[in-house]
N, C-alpha and C. Protein backbone atom coordinates (compact mmCIF):
# COMPACT_ATOMS: atom_id res chain seq x y z
N MET A 1 12.57 13.08 30.65
CA MET A 1 11.54 12.28 30.00
C MET A 1 11.64 12.50 28.48
N SER A 2 11.66 11.44 27.71
CA SER A 2 11.79 11.58 26.27
C SER A 2 10.45 11.96 25.67
N ARG A 3 10.55 12.73 24.63
CA ARG A 3 9.34 13.19 23.95
C ARG A 3 8.82 12.08 23.04
N ARG A 4 7.54 11.82 23.10
CA ARG A 4 6.93 10.77 22.28
C ARG A 4 6.61 11.35 20.91
N ALA A 5 6.66 10.51 19.92
CA ALA A 5 6.38 10.94 18.56
C ALA A 5 4.92 11.33 18.41
N ASP A 6 4.68 12.37 17.64
CA ASP A 6 3.31 12.73 17.33
C ASP A 6 2.82 11.82 16.21
N VAL A 7 1.59 12.04 15.77
CA VAL A 7 0.99 11.14 14.78
C VAL A 7 1.80 11.11 13.48
N VAL A 8 2.32 12.25 13.06
CA VAL A 8 3.12 12.27 11.83
C VAL A 8 4.42 11.50 12.05
N GLY A 9 5.01 11.64 13.22
CA GLY A 9 6.22 10.89 13.51
C GLY A 9 5.98 9.39 13.53
N GLU A 10 4.87 8.99 14.11
CA GLU A 10 4.52 7.56 14.15
C GLU A 10 4.33 7.01 12.74
N LEU A 11 3.57 7.74 11.93
CA LEU A 11 3.27 7.27 10.57
C LEU A 11 4.49 7.36 9.67
N SER A 12 5.35 8.35 9.90
CA SER A 12 6.60 8.46 9.14
C SER A 12 7.52 7.28 9.46
N ALA A 13 7.52 6.84 10.71
CA ALA A 13 8.31 5.66 11.08
C ALA A 13 7.80 4.44 10.33
N ASP A 14 6.49 4.34 10.16
CA ASP A 14 5.92 3.25 9.35
C ASP A 14 6.43 3.35 7.92
N HIS A 15 6.46 4.56 7.38
CA HIS A 15 6.93 4.75 6.00
C HIS A 15 8.37 4.24 5.87
N ARG A 16 9.20 4.54 6.85
CA ARG A 16 10.59 4.06 6.80
C ARG A 16 10.65 2.54 6.88
N ALA A 17 9.80 1.95 7.71
CA ALA A 17 9.76 0.48 7.81
C ALA A 17 9.29 -0.15 6.50
N VAL A 18 8.32 0.46 5.86
CA VAL A 18 7.83 -0.03 4.57
C VAL A 18 8.94 0.06 3.52
N ALA A 19 9.64 1.19 3.48
CA ALA A 19 10.73 1.37 2.51
C ALA A 19 11.83 0.34 2.74
N GLU A 20 12.13 0.04 3.99
CA GLU A 20 13.14 -0.97 4.32
C GLU A 20 12.69 -2.35 3.86
N LEU A 21 11.43 -2.67 4.09
CA LEU A 21 10.92 -3.97 3.61
C LEU A 21 10.96 -4.05 2.09
N LEU A 22 10.63 -2.97 1.41
CA LEU A 22 10.71 -2.97 -0.06
C LEU A 22 12.14 -3.24 -0.52
N ALA A 23 13.12 -2.64 0.16
CA ALA A 23 14.52 -2.88 -0.19
C ALA A 23 14.90 -4.33 0.07
N GLN A 24 14.44 -4.89 1.17
CA GLN A 24 14.73 -6.30 1.47
C GLN A 24 14.07 -7.22 0.44
N ILE A 25 12.87 -6.87 0.03
CA ILE A 25 12.17 -7.67 -0.98
C ILE A 25 12.93 -7.62 -2.30
N GLU A 26 13.40 -6.46 -2.67
CA GLU A 26 14.17 -6.32 -3.91
C GLU A 26 15.42 -7.19 -3.86
N THR A 27 16.10 -7.18 -2.73
CA THR A 27 17.30 -8.00 -2.57
C THR A 27 16.95 -9.48 -2.60
N ALA A 28 15.89 -9.87 -1.90
CA ALA A 28 15.48 -11.27 -1.88
C ALA A 28 15.05 -11.74 -3.26
N GLY A 29 14.46 -10.85 -4.03
CA GLY A 29 14.01 -11.21 -5.37
C GLY A 29 15.16 -11.41 -6.34
N GLN A 30 16.35 -10.92 -5.98
CA GLN A 30 17.50 -11.04 -6.86
C GLN A 30 18.34 -12.28 -6.56
N GLY A 31 17.79 -13.20 -5.85
CA GLY A 31 18.55 -14.41 -5.62
C GLY A 31 18.29 -15.03 -4.27
N GLY A 32 17.48 -14.39 -3.48
CA GLY A 32 17.12 -15.00 -2.20
C GLY A 32 16.16 -16.14 -2.45
N GLY A 33 15.90 -16.89 -1.46
CA GLY A 33 14.99 -18.01 -1.59
C GLY A 33 13.54 -17.57 -1.73
N ALA A 34 12.75 -18.40 -2.35
CA ALA A 34 11.34 -18.11 -2.56
C ALA A 34 10.60 -18.00 -1.23
N ASP A 35 10.98 -18.84 -0.26
CA ASP A 35 10.31 -18.79 1.04
C ASP A 35 10.59 -17.46 1.74
N ALA A 36 11.83 -17.01 1.67
CA ALA A 36 12.19 -15.74 2.30
C ALA A 36 11.45 -14.59 1.63
N LEU A 37 11.36 -14.62 0.32
CA LEU A 37 10.65 -13.58 -0.41
C LEU A 37 9.18 -13.57 -0.05
N ALA A 38 8.57 -14.74 -0.01
CA ALA A 38 7.15 -14.83 0.34
C ALA A 38 6.90 -14.32 1.76
N ALA A 39 7.80 -14.63 2.69
CA ALA A 39 7.65 -14.16 4.07
C ALA A 39 7.76 -12.65 4.15
N LEU A 40 8.69 -12.07 3.40
CA LEU A 40 8.84 -10.61 3.38
C LEU A 40 7.61 -9.93 2.78
N VAL A 41 7.07 -10.50 1.73
CA VAL A 41 5.88 -9.93 1.10
C VAL A 41 4.70 -10.01 2.07
N GLU A 42 4.59 -11.10 2.80
CA GLU A 42 3.52 -11.22 3.80
C GLU A 42 3.69 -10.17 4.90
N GLN A 43 4.92 -9.98 5.35
CA GLN A 43 5.21 -8.97 6.38
C GLN A 43 4.87 -7.58 5.86
N LEU A 44 5.24 -7.29 4.61
CA LEU A 44 4.92 -6.00 4.00
C LEU A 44 3.42 -5.82 3.91
N SER A 45 2.72 -6.84 3.48
CA SER A 45 1.26 -6.76 3.34
C SER A 45 0.60 -6.43 4.68
N ASP A 46 1.03 -7.12 5.73
CA ASP A 46 0.47 -6.87 7.06
C ASP A 46 0.73 -5.44 7.50
N LEU A 47 1.96 -4.96 7.30
CA LEU A 47 2.30 -3.60 7.70
C LEU A 47 1.51 -2.58 6.90
N LEU A 48 1.39 -2.79 5.61
CA LEU A 48 0.64 -1.84 4.77
C LEU A 48 -0.83 -1.77 5.17
N LEU A 49 -1.43 -2.91 5.40
CA LEU A 49 -2.85 -2.91 5.74
C LEU A 49 -3.10 -2.24 7.09
N SER A 50 -2.25 -2.51 8.07
CA SER A 50 -2.44 -1.86 9.37
C SER A 50 -2.14 -0.37 9.28
N HIS A 51 -1.11 -0.01 8.53
CA HIS A 51 -0.76 1.40 8.38
C HIS A 51 -1.88 2.18 7.69
N CYS A 52 -2.41 1.64 6.63
CA CYS A 52 -3.50 2.33 5.92
C CYS A 52 -4.71 2.49 6.83
N THR A 53 -5.05 1.46 7.57
CA THR A 53 -6.17 1.53 8.50
C THR A 53 -5.93 2.60 9.56
N GLU A 54 -4.72 2.64 10.09
CA GLU A 54 -4.40 3.65 11.12
C GLU A 54 -4.50 5.07 10.57
N GLU A 55 -4.00 5.27 9.36
CA GLU A 55 -4.13 6.61 8.76
C GLU A 55 -5.61 6.97 8.61
N GLU A 56 -6.39 6.03 8.12
CA GLU A 56 -7.81 6.30 7.89
C GLU A 56 -8.55 6.55 9.20
N ASP A 57 -8.16 5.86 10.25
CA ASP A 57 -8.86 5.99 11.54
C ASP A 57 -8.38 7.18 12.37
N TYR A 58 -7.09 7.46 12.36
CA TYR A 58 -6.53 8.43 13.30
C TYR A 58 -6.06 9.73 12.67
N LEU A 59 -5.69 9.73 11.41
CA LEU A 59 -5.18 10.95 10.80
C LEU A 59 -6.20 11.61 9.88
N PHE A 60 -6.80 10.85 8.99
CA PHE A 60 -7.63 11.44 7.95
C PHE A 60 -8.83 12.25 8.46
N PRO A 61 -9.52 11.81 9.51
CA PRO A 61 -10.62 12.67 9.99
C PRO A 61 -10.13 14.06 10.41
N ALA A 62 -8.99 14.12 11.08
CA ALA A 62 -8.44 15.40 11.50
C ALA A 62 -7.95 16.20 10.30
N VAL A 63 -7.38 15.55 9.32
CA VAL A 63 -6.93 16.24 8.10
C VAL A 63 -8.12 16.88 7.42
N HIS A 64 -9.19 16.14 7.31
CA HIS A 64 -10.39 16.64 6.64
C HIS A 64 -10.91 17.89 7.33
N GLU A 65 -10.85 17.91 8.67
CA GLU A 65 -11.36 19.04 9.43
C GLU A 65 -10.38 20.20 9.56
N GLN A 66 -9.09 19.91 9.67
CA GLN A 66 -8.12 20.91 10.08
C GLN A 66 -7.24 21.47 8.96
N VAL A 67 -7.04 20.72 7.90
CA VAL A 67 -6.07 21.10 6.87
C VAL A 67 -6.79 21.72 5.68
N PRO A 68 -6.33 22.92 5.27
CA PRO A 68 -6.91 23.49 4.04
C PRO A 68 -6.72 22.51 2.88
N ASP A 69 -7.78 22.31 2.13
CA ASP A 69 -7.79 21.35 1.03
C ASP A 69 -7.55 19.92 1.53
N GLY A 70 -7.88 19.70 2.80
CA GLY A 70 -7.67 18.39 3.40
C GLY A 70 -8.47 17.29 2.74
N GLY A 71 -9.67 17.64 2.26
CA GLY A 71 -10.50 16.64 1.59
C GLY A 71 -9.81 16.07 0.36
N ALA A 72 -9.16 16.93 -0.41
CA ALA A 72 -8.45 16.47 -1.61
C ALA A 72 -7.25 15.62 -1.24
N LEU A 73 -6.54 16.01 -0.19
CA LEU A 73 -5.38 15.22 0.26
C LEU A 73 -5.82 13.84 0.73
N VAL A 74 -6.91 13.81 1.49
CA VAL A 74 -7.43 12.53 1.98
C VAL A 74 -7.91 11.68 0.80
N PHE A 75 -8.60 12.29 -0.13
CA PHE A 75 -9.10 11.56 -1.29
C PHE A 75 -7.95 10.89 -2.05
N THR A 76 -6.87 11.62 -2.26
CA THR A 76 -5.71 11.07 -2.97
C THR A 76 -5.13 9.88 -2.21
N SER A 77 -4.98 10.04 -0.90
CA SER A 77 -4.42 8.94 -0.10
C SER A 77 -5.35 7.74 -0.07
N LEU A 78 -6.65 7.99 0.03
CA LEU A 78 -7.60 6.87 0.03
C LEU A 78 -7.58 6.11 -1.29
N ALA A 79 -7.46 6.83 -2.39
CA ALA A 79 -7.36 6.16 -3.70
C ALA A 79 -6.11 5.28 -3.74
N ASP A 80 -5.01 5.80 -3.20
CA ASP A 80 -3.78 5.00 -3.12
C ASP A 80 -4.00 3.77 -2.26
N HIS A 81 -4.67 3.95 -1.12
CA HIS A 81 -4.92 2.83 -0.22
C HIS A 81 -5.74 1.74 -0.92
N LEU A 82 -6.71 2.14 -1.70
CA LEU A 82 -7.52 1.15 -2.42
C LEU A 82 -6.66 0.37 -3.41
N ALA A 83 -5.81 1.07 -4.14
CA ALA A 83 -4.94 0.39 -5.11
C ALA A 83 -3.97 -0.56 -4.39
N ILE A 84 -3.38 -0.09 -3.31
CA ILE A 84 -2.46 -0.93 -2.54
C ILE A 84 -3.19 -2.15 -2.00
N GLY A 85 -4.38 -1.94 -1.45
CA GLY A 85 -5.17 -3.05 -0.93
C GLY A 85 -5.50 -4.07 -2.00
N GLN A 86 -5.77 -3.61 -3.21
CA GLN A 86 -6.07 -4.54 -4.30
C GLN A 86 -4.85 -5.38 -4.65
N TYR A 87 -3.68 -4.73 -4.72
CA TYR A 87 -2.45 -5.50 -4.98
C TYR A 87 -2.21 -6.54 -3.89
N VAL A 88 -2.38 -6.14 -2.64
CA VAL A 88 -2.18 -7.07 -1.52
C VAL A 88 -3.15 -8.24 -1.64
N THR A 89 -4.40 -7.95 -1.94
CA THR A 89 -5.40 -9.01 -2.11
C THR A 89 -5.03 -9.94 -3.26
N ASP A 90 -4.60 -9.36 -4.36
CA ASP A 90 -4.25 -10.17 -5.53
C ASP A 90 -3.03 -11.06 -5.27
N LEU A 91 -2.13 -10.60 -4.39
CA LEU A 91 -0.94 -11.39 -4.08
C LEU A 91 -1.21 -12.52 -3.09
N GLN A 92 -2.29 -12.42 -2.35
CA GLN A 92 -2.60 -13.44 -1.34
C GLN A 92 -2.74 -14.80 -2.00
N GLY A 93 -2.09 -15.77 -1.41
CA GLY A 93 -2.19 -17.14 -1.90
C GLY A 93 -1.25 -17.46 -3.05
N LEU A 94 -0.57 -16.44 -3.59
CA LEU A 94 0.38 -16.71 -4.66
C LEU A 94 1.76 -16.99 -4.07
N THR A 95 2.54 -17.74 -4.80
CA THR A 95 3.93 -17.97 -4.42
C THR A 95 4.81 -17.27 -5.45
N PRO A 96 6.08 -17.04 -5.10
CA PRO A 96 6.97 -16.42 -6.07
C PRO A 96 7.09 -17.20 -7.38
N ALA A 97 6.75 -18.48 -7.38
CA ALA A 97 6.80 -19.28 -8.61
C ALA A 97 5.62 -18.98 -9.53
N ASP A 98 4.57 -18.39 -9.01
CA ASP A 98 3.39 -18.08 -9.82
C ASP A 98 3.74 -16.98 -10.82
N PRO A 99 3.37 -17.13 -12.09
CA PRO A 99 3.72 -16.13 -13.10
C PRO A 99 3.16 -14.72 -12.79
N ALA A 100 2.08 -14.64 -12.06
CA ALA A 100 1.49 -13.33 -11.75
C ALA A 100 2.18 -12.65 -10.57
N PHE A 101 2.96 -13.40 -9.79
CA PHE A 101 3.55 -12.86 -8.57
C PHE A 101 4.47 -11.67 -8.85
N GLY A 102 5.40 -11.83 -9.75
CA GLY A 102 6.38 -10.78 -10.05
C GLY A 102 5.73 -9.48 -10.53
N PRO A 103 4.86 -9.55 -11.55
CA PRO A 103 4.21 -8.31 -12.00
C PRO A 103 3.35 -7.65 -10.91
N LEU A 104 2.65 -8.46 -10.11
CA LEU A 104 1.85 -7.88 -9.03
C LEU A 104 2.73 -7.23 -7.97
N LEU A 105 3.82 -7.88 -7.64
CA LEU A 105 4.74 -7.32 -6.66
C LEU A 105 5.37 -6.03 -7.18
N ASP A 106 5.71 -6.01 -8.47
CA ASP A 106 6.24 -4.78 -9.07
C ASP A 106 5.21 -3.65 -9.02
N GLY A 107 3.95 -3.99 -9.32
CA GLY A 107 2.88 -2.99 -9.25
C GLY A 107 2.68 -2.48 -7.84
N LEU A 108 2.69 -3.40 -6.86
CA LEU A 108 2.56 -3.01 -5.47
C LEU A 108 3.70 -2.09 -5.06
N SER A 109 4.92 -2.47 -5.40
CA SER A 109 6.08 -1.65 -5.04
C SER A 109 5.98 -0.26 -5.62
N ALA A 110 5.59 -0.15 -6.88
CA ALA A 110 5.46 1.16 -7.52
C ALA A 110 4.36 1.99 -6.86
N ALA A 111 3.23 1.36 -6.60
CA ALA A 111 2.12 2.08 -5.96
C ALA A 111 2.50 2.55 -4.57
N VAL A 112 3.19 1.71 -3.82
CA VAL A 112 3.60 2.07 -2.46
C VAL A 112 4.62 3.21 -2.50
N ARG A 113 5.61 3.11 -3.35
CA ARG A 113 6.64 4.17 -3.42
C ARG A 113 6.00 5.51 -3.80
N THR A 114 5.09 5.51 -4.74
CA THR A 114 4.40 6.74 -5.13
C THR A 114 3.58 7.28 -3.96
N HIS A 115 2.89 6.41 -3.28
CA HIS A 115 2.06 6.80 -2.14
C HIS A 115 2.91 7.40 -1.02
N LEU A 116 3.99 6.73 -0.67
CA LEU A 116 4.86 7.24 0.40
C LEU A 116 5.40 8.62 0.05
N ALA A 117 5.83 8.79 -1.19
CA ALA A 117 6.37 10.08 -1.61
C ALA A 117 5.29 11.16 -1.53
N GLU A 118 4.08 10.85 -1.97
CA GLU A 118 2.97 11.80 -1.93
C GLU A 118 2.69 12.24 -0.49
N GLU A 119 2.63 11.29 0.40
CA GLU A 119 2.34 11.64 1.79
C GLU A 119 3.50 12.39 2.44
N ASP A 120 4.72 11.93 2.18
CA ASP A 120 5.88 12.58 2.79
C ASP A 120 6.09 14.00 2.26
N GLU A 121 5.77 14.22 0.99
CA GLU A 121 6.02 15.52 0.37
C GLU A 121 4.84 16.48 0.46
N ARG A 122 3.61 15.97 0.50
CA ARG A 122 2.44 16.85 0.49
C ARG A 122 1.61 16.76 1.76
N LEU A 123 1.17 15.54 2.10
CA LEU A 123 0.23 15.38 3.20
C LEU A 123 0.86 15.75 4.55
N PHE A 124 1.98 15.12 4.88
CA PHE A 124 2.55 15.34 6.21
C PHE A 124 2.98 16.80 6.43
N PRO A 125 3.61 17.46 5.45
CA PRO A 125 3.92 18.88 5.67
C PRO A 125 2.66 19.74 5.86
N ALA A 126 1.60 19.44 5.12
CA ALA A 126 0.35 20.20 5.28
C ALA A 126 -0.24 19.97 6.67
N VAL A 127 -0.14 18.74 7.15
CA VAL A 127 -0.64 18.41 8.49
C VAL A 127 0.15 19.17 9.54
N ARG A 128 1.45 19.16 9.43
CA ARG A 128 2.31 19.86 10.40
C ARG A 128 2.03 21.36 10.41
N GLU A 129 1.75 21.91 9.24
CA GLU A 129 1.50 23.35 9.16
C GLU A 129 0.15 23.72 9.74
N ALA A 130 -0.85 22.88 9.53
CA ALA A 130 -2.23 23.24 9.91
C ALA A 130 -2.60 22.86 11.34
N MET A 131 -2.00 21.83 11.87
CA MET A 131 -2.41 21.33 13.18
C MET A 131 -1.44 21.79 14.26
N THR A 132 -2.00 21.98 15.44
CA THR A 132 -1.17 22.39 16.58
C THR A 132 -0.34 21.20 17.06
N PRO A 133 0.81 21.48 17.67
CA PRO A 133 1.60 20.38 18.23
C PRO A 133 0.81 19.56 19.25
N ASP A 134 -0.06 20.21 20.01
CA ASP A 134 -0.86 19.46 20.99
C ASP A 134 -1.80 18.48 20.30
N LEU A 135 -2.44 18.91 19.22
CA LEU A 135 -3.33 18.01 18.50
C LEU A 135 -2.54 16.86 17.88
N LEU A 136 -1.40 17.16 17.28
CA LEU A 136 -0.58 16.11 16.68
C LEU A 136 -0.13 15.10 17.75
N SER A 137 0.24 15.60 18.91
CA SER A 137 0.65 14.71 20.01
C SER A 137 -0.51 13.87 20.50
N ALA A 138 -1.67 14.48 20.64
CA ALA A 138 -2.85 13.74 21.10
C ALA A 138 -3.22 12.64 20.11
N LEU A 139 -3.15 12.94 18.83
CA LEU A 139 -3.44 11.92 17.81
C LEU A 139 -2.40 10.81 17.85
N GLY A 140 -1.14 11.17 18.08
CA GLY A 140 -0.09 10.17 18.19
C GLY A 140 -0.32 9.26 19.39
N GLU A 141 -0.75 9.84 20.50
CA GLU A 141 -1.03 9.05 21.70
C GLU A 141 -2.21 8.10 21.46
N ARG A 142 -3.26 8.58 20.81
CA ARG A 142 -4.40 7.71 20.49
C ARG A 142 -3.97 6.55 19.61
N LEU A 143 -3.11 6.84 18.64
CA LEU A 143 -2.61 5.80 17.74
C LEU A 143 -1.78 4.77 18.52
N ARG A 144 -0.89 5.22 19.39
CA ARG A 144 -0.08 4.29 20.19
C ARG A 144 -0.97 3.43 21.10
N GLU A 145 -1.98 4.06 21.71
CA GLU A 145 -2.89 3.30 22.58
C GLU A 145 -3.63 2.22 21.78
N ALA A 146 -4.06 2.56 20.58
CA ALA A 146 -4.75 1.57 19.74
C ALA A 146 -3.80 0.44 19.35
N ARG A 147 -2.55 0.78 19.06
CA ARG A 147 -1.57 -0.26 18.73
C ARG A 147 -1.32 -1.18 19.91
N GLN A 148 -1.21 -0.60 21.09
CA GLN A 148 -0.98 -1.42 22.29
C GLN A 148 -2.18 -2.33 22.56
N ALA A 149 -3.36 -1.78 22.39
CA ALA A 149 -4.57 -2.60 22.61
C ALA A 149 -4.63 -3.74 21.60
N ALA A 150 -4.26 -3.46 20.36
CA ALA A 150 -4.29 -4.50 19.33
C ALA A 150 -3.24 -5.57 19.58
N ALA A 151 -2.11 -5.17 20.17
CA ALA A 151 -1.02 -6.12 20.42
C ALA A 151 -1.22 -6.92 21.69
N ALA A 152 -2.10 -6.44 22.57
CA ALA A 152 -2.33 -7.14 23.84
C ALA A 152 -3.00 -8.48 23.57
N PRO A 153 -2.59 -9.49 24.33
CA PRO A 153 -3.26 -10.78 24.13
C PRO A 153 -4.72 -10.69 24.53
N ALA A 154 -5.52 -11.38 23.80
CA ALA A 154 -6.96 -11.39 24.09
C ALA A 154 -7.18 -12.12 25.40
N PRO A 155 -8.10 -11.62 26.22
CA PRO A 155 -8.37 -12.33 27.47
C PRO A 155 -8.94 -13.71 27.16
N GLU A 156 -8.61 -14.64 28.05
CA GLU A 156 -9.14 -15.99 27.84
C GLU A 156 -10.64 -15.99 28.04
N ALA A 157 -11.29 -16.77 27.24
CA ALA A 157 -12.75 -16.90 27.38
C ALA A 157 -13.03 -17.63 28.69
N PRO A 158 -14.04 -17.20 29.39
CA PRO A 158 -14.35 -17.89 30.64
C PRO A 158 -14.75 -19.33 30.35
N ALA A 159 -14.40 -20.16 31.28
CA ALA A 159 -14.78 -21.57 31.11
C ALA A 159 -16.29 -21.66 31.06
N THR A 160 -16.78 -22.43 30.15
CA THR A 160 -18.23 -22.60 30.03
C THR A 160 -18.67 -23.66 31.02
N PRO A 161 -19.52 -23.26 31.96
CA PRO A 161 -19.97 -24.28 32.93
C PRO A 161 -20.82 -25.32 32.21
N GLU A 162 -20.77 -26.49 32.76
CA GLU A 162 -21.59 -27.54 32.15
C GLU A 162 -23.05 -27.17 32.31
N ALA A 163 -23.81 -27.48 31.32
CA ALA A 163 -25.24 -27.21 31.39
C ALA A 163 -25.85 -28.11 32.44
N PRO A 164 -26.77 -27.56 33.21
CA PRO A 164 -27.40 -28.41 34.22
C PRO A 164 -28.16 -29.54 33.54
N ALA A 165 -28.15 -30.65 34.22
CA ALA A 165 -28.85 -31.82 33.68
C ALA A 165 -30.34 -31.49 33.63
N THR A 166 -30.93 -31.86 32.55
CA THR A 166 -32.38 -31.63 32.44
C THR A 166 -33.08 -32.92 32.81
N PRO A 167 -34.09 -32.78 33.61
CA PRO A 167 -34.81 -34.02 33.97
C PRO A 167 -35.44 -34.63 32.74
N GLU A 168 -35.45 -35.92 32.73
CA GLU A 168 -36.05 -36.59 31.59
C GLU A 168 -37.56 -36.42 31.65
N ALA A 169 -38.13 -36.24 30.50
CA ALA A 169 -39.58 -36.11 30.43
C ALA A 169 -40.19 -37.48 30.68
N PRO A 170 -41.27 -37.49 31.40
CA PRO A 170 -41.92 -38.80 31.63
C PRO A 170 -42.37 -39.40 30.32
N ALA A 171 -42.22 -40.67 30.26
CA ALA A 171 -42.64 -41.37 29.05
C ALA A 171 -44.16 -41.31 28.97
N GLY A 172 -44.64 -41.10 27.83
CA GLY A 172 -46.05 -40.92 27.84
C GLY A 172 -46.77 -41.39 26.74
């Protein structure tokens, strides 16, 4: 039976996916089509927003409780998440032809690269040192379960029965 990734492994895989998308965006920006660039930026935005939410929901509460100086580590990451979220919001609705698109994308890329490095170099090692493998695995399992639930198709709404006919009020 293969060993499943713990929460740090899951989130580190996200970091690698984000870095790959940033590289693809850089390549697309150097001569790829505007539509391809816009699609990659949208994909990056979706991944960043879900990743930040997952860290905040599944990792940060445990970091705050279990990791020495965890509050400061969480605070730093949350500040990064806010900046990243603002860049993503500012990019929404813009096309690569918009004069603000390039500078905003550059700012987003810089903020994301700094954030990934901070977490990879400080947060994740502190988490691995302070938390037991069982806790890390349990958090990873909770994260995977939440991802599966989010990816599952929503159940169809039950058919709404027709409202019973109401008798007409007597004319009066």
